[in-house]
Amino acid sequence: AKPVAPENPILAGQYADYLARALHDYKTGKRANPIMKAFADQLSPQDIADVSAWFASQQSSLHFQR
């Protein structure tokens, strides 16, 4: 799946631990983005783990076909 806009990152297929760290960093303010902060503020630690695992399990252009 491609992002809606080219400046948006590809989330599908990213490593779950990377996504979880990014969401945690938005929640704590270590990463600055008002939209992502508002989203992450609503997530519990379990929500972060679940969302990260779901995106990590999705196929994307980050996966190479052999």
N, C-alpha and C. Protein backbone atom coordinates (compact mmCIF):
# COMPACT_ATOMS: atom_id res chain seq x y z
N ALA A 1 0.84 -1.18 0.00
CA ALA A 1 0.00 0.00 0.00
C ALA A 1 0.88 1.24 0.00
N LYS A 2 0.47 2.21 -0.76
CA LYS A 2 1.21 3.46 -0.84
C LYS A 2 0.56 4.48 0.09
N PRO A 3 1.36 5.42 0.65
CA PRO A 3 0.78 6.48 1.47
C PRO A 3 -0.13 7.37 0.62
N VAL A 4 -1.04 8.06 1.26
CA VAL A 4 -1.95 8.97 0.57
C VAL A 4 -1.17 10.09 -0.10
N ALA A 5 -0.17 10.60 0.58
CA ALA A 5 0.67 11.67 0.03
C ALA A 5 2.13 11.20 0.07
N PRO A 6 2.94 11.59 -0.90
CA PRO A 6 4.31 11.10 -0.98
C PRO A 6 5.16 11.44 0.25
N GLU A 7 4.83 12.50 0.97
CA GLU A 7 5.63 12.87 2.14
C GLU A 7 5.27 12.05 3.38
N ASN A 8 4.21 11.24 3.29
CA ASN A 8 3.83 10.38 4.40
C ASN A 8 4.63 9.09 4.36
N PRO A 9 5.00 8.58 5.54
CA PRO A 9 5.79 7.34 5.56
C PRO A 9 4.95 6.11 5.24
N ILE A 10 5.62 5.06 4.82
CA ILE A 10 4.97 3.76 4.65
C ILE A 10 4.99 3.07 6.01
N LEU A 11 3.82 2.76 6.55
CA LEU A 11 3.73 2.09 7.84
C LEU A 11 3.66 0.58 7.70
N ALA A 12 2.98 0.12 6.67
CA ALA A 12 2.83 -1.32 6.45
C ALA A 12 4.20 -1.95 6.24
N GLY A 13 4.46 -3.03 6.98
CA GLY A 13 5.70 -3.74 6.81
C GLY A 13 6.87 -3.21 7.63
N GLN A 14 6.68 -2.09 8.33
CA GLN A 14 7.74 -1.59 9.21
C GLN A 14 7.90 -2.55 10.39
N TYR A 15 9.03 -2.53 11.04
CA TYR A 15 9.25 -3.35 12.23
C TYR A 15 8.34 -2.87 13.35
N ALA A 16 7.71 -3.81 14.05
CA ALA A 16 6.78 -3.48 15.13
C ALA A 16 7.47 -2.66 16.23
N ASP A 17 8.70 -3.01 16.58
CA ASP A 17 9.37 -2.27 17.65
C ASP A 17 9.68 -0.83 17.23
N TYR A 18 9.97 -0.62 15.95
CA TYR A 18 10.17 0.74 15.45
C TYR A 18 8.88 1.55 15.55
N LEU A 19 7.78 0.96 15.11
CA LEU A 19 6.50 1.66 15.17
C LEU A 19 6.09 1.96 16.60
N ALA A 20 6.28 0.99 17.50
CA ALA A 20 5.93 1.19 18.91
C ALA A 20 6.77 2.33 19.51
N ARG A 21 8.05 2.35 19.19
CA ARG A 21 8.92 3.42 19.70
C ARG A 21 8.48 4.77 19.16
N ALA A 22 8.15 4.84 17.88
CA ALA A 22 7.70 6.09 17.28
C ALA A 22 6.42 6.59 17.96
N LEU A 23 5.45 5.69 18.16
CA LEU A 23 4.21 6.10 18.81
C LEU A 23 4.46 6.56 20.24
N HIS A 24 5.32 5.85 20.95
CA HIS A 24 5.67 6.25 22.32
C HIS A 24 6.34 7.63 22.31
N ASP A 25 7.24 7.86 21.35
CA ASP A 25 7.92 9.14 21.26
C ASP A 25 6.96 10.28 20.92
N TYR A 26 5.96 10.03 20.09
CA TYR A 26 4.95 11.06 19.83
C TYR A 26 4.15 11.34 21.09
N LYS A 27 3.81 10.29 21.80
CA LYS A 27 3.00 10.42 23.02
C LYS A 27 3.74 11.23 24.09
N THR A 28 5.04 11.00 24.23
CA THR A 28 5.82 11.70 25.26
C THR A 28 6.36 13.05 24.80
N GLY A 29 6.22 13.35 23.51
CA GLY A 29 6.70 14.63 23.00
C GLY A 29 8.13 14.59 22.49
N LYS A 30 8.77 13.41 22.52
CA LYS A 30 10.13 13.30 22.00
C LYS A 30 10.15 13.54 20.49
N ARG A 31 9.08 13.12 19.81
CA ARG A 31 8.88 13.46 18.40
C ARG A 31 7.79 14.51 18.35
N ALA A 32 7.99 15.52 17.51
CA ALA A 32 7.05 16.64 17.44
C ALA A 32 6.21 16.59 16.17
N ASN A 33 4.93 16.30 16.34
CA ASN A 33 3.96 16.37 15.27
C ASN A 33 2.61 16.44 15.95
N PRO A 34 1.90 17.58 15.85
CA PRO A 34 0.66 17.75 16.60
C PRO A 34 -0.42 16.73 16.26
N ILE A 35 -0.49 16.30 15.02
CA ILE A 35 -1.51 15.31 14.64
C ILE A 35 -1.19 13.96 15.25
N MET A 36 0.06 13.54 15.14
CA MET A 36 0.45 12.25 15.71
C MET A 36 0.41 12.27 17.23
N LYS A 37 0.75 13.39 17.85
CA LYS A 37 0.68 13.51 19.31
C LYS A 37 -0.76 13.31 19.77
N ALA A 38 -1.71 13.97 19.11
CA ALA A 38 -3.12 13.83 19.49
C ALA A 38 -3.59 12.39 19.32
N PHE A 39 -3.14 11.73 18.27
CA PHE A 39 -3.51 10.32 18.06
C PHE A 39 -2.88 9.44 19.13
N ALA A 40 -1.56 9.59 19.34
CA ALA A 40 -0.84 8.73 20.27
C ALA A 40 -1.30 8.94 21.72
N ASP A 41 -1.69 10.14 22.07
CA ASP A 41 -2.15 10.41 23.44
C ASP A 41 -3.34 9.54 23.83
N GLN A 42 -4.11 9.10 22.87
CA GLN A 42 -5.31 8.30 23.14
C GLN A 42 -4.99 6.81 23.31
N LEU A 43 -3.76 6.40 23.00
CA LEU A 43 -3.41 4.99 22.98
C LEU A 43 -2.84 4.52 24.32
N SER A 44 -3.31 3.37 24.77
CA SER A 44 -2.73 2.71 25.94
C SER A 44 -1.47 1.97 25.47
N PRO A 45 -0.64 1.50 26.41
CA PRO A 45 0.51 0.69 25.98
C PRO A 45 0.09 -0.54 25.17
N GLN A 46 -1.02 -1.17 25.53
CA GLN A 46 -1.49 -2.33 24.76
C GLN A 46 -1.95 -1.91 23.37
N ASP A 47 -2.62 -0.75 23.27
CA ASP A 47 -3.02 -0.24 21.96
C ASP A 47 -1.80 -0.03 21.06
N ILE A 48 -0.75 0.55 21.62
CA ILE A 48 0.47 0.80 20.85
C ILE A 48 1.05 -0.52 20.36
N ALA A 49 1.10 -1.52 21.22
CA ALA A 49 1.62 -2.83 20.82
C ALA A 49 0.75 -3.45 19.73
N ASP A 50 -0.56 -3.36 19.90
CA ASP A 50 -1.48 -3.94 18.92
C ASP A 50 -1.40 -3.25 17.56
N VAL A 51 -1.42 -1.93 17.55
CA VAL A 51 -1.36 -1.16 16.30
C VAL A 51 -0.02 -1.43 15.60
N SER A 52 1.05 -1.46 16.37
CA SER A 52 2.38 -1.70 15.80
C SER A 52 2.46 -3.10 15.18
N ALA A 53 1.94 -4.09 15.88
CA ALA A 53 1.95 -5.46 15.37
C ALA A 53 1.11 -5.57 14.10
N TRP A 54 -0.03 -4.90 14.08
CA TRP A 54 -0.91 -4.98 12.90
C TRP A 54 -0.22 -4.37 11.68
N PHE A 55 0.33 -3.16 11.81
CA PHE A 55 1.01 -2.55 10.67
C PHE A 55 2.22 -3.38 10.24
N ALA A 56 2.95 -3.94 11.19
CA ALA A 56 4.13 -4.75 10.85
C ALA A 56 3.73 -6.00 10.07
N SER A 57 2.54 -6.51 10.29
CA SER A 57 2.11 -7.74 9.62
C SER A 57 1.57 -7.52 8.21
N GLN A 58 1.42 -6.26 7.80
CA GLN A 58 0.86 -5.95 6.49
C GLN A 58 1.93 -6.01 5.41
N GLN A 59 1.57 -6.53 4.26
CA GLN A 59 2.48 -6.55 3.12
C GLN A 59 2.61 -5.13 2.56
N SER A 60 3.77 -4.82 2.06
CA SER A 60 3.97 -3.50 1.47
C SER A 60 5.16 -3.53 0.53
N SER A 61 5.47 -2.40 -0.04
CA SER A 61 6.63 -2.29 -0.93
C SER A 61 7.93 -2.40 -0.16
N LEU A 62 7.86 -2.44 1.17
CA LEU A 62 9.07 -2.64 1.97
C LEU A 62 9.55 -4.09 1.91
N HIS A 63 8.66 -5.00 1.50
CA HIS A 63 9.00 -6.41 1.37
C HIS A 63 9.46 -6.69 -0.04
N PHE A 64 10.55 -7.40 -0.15
CA PHE A 64 11.07 -7.76 -1.47
C PHE A 64 10.60 -9.17 -1.82
N GLN A 65 10.15 -9.32 -3.04
CA GLN A 65 9.75 -10.63 -3.55
C GLN A 65 10.95 -11.30 -4.18
N ARG A 66 11.17 -12.57 -3.86
CA ARG A 66 12.31 -13.31 -4.47
C ARG A 66 11.75 -14.42 -5.31
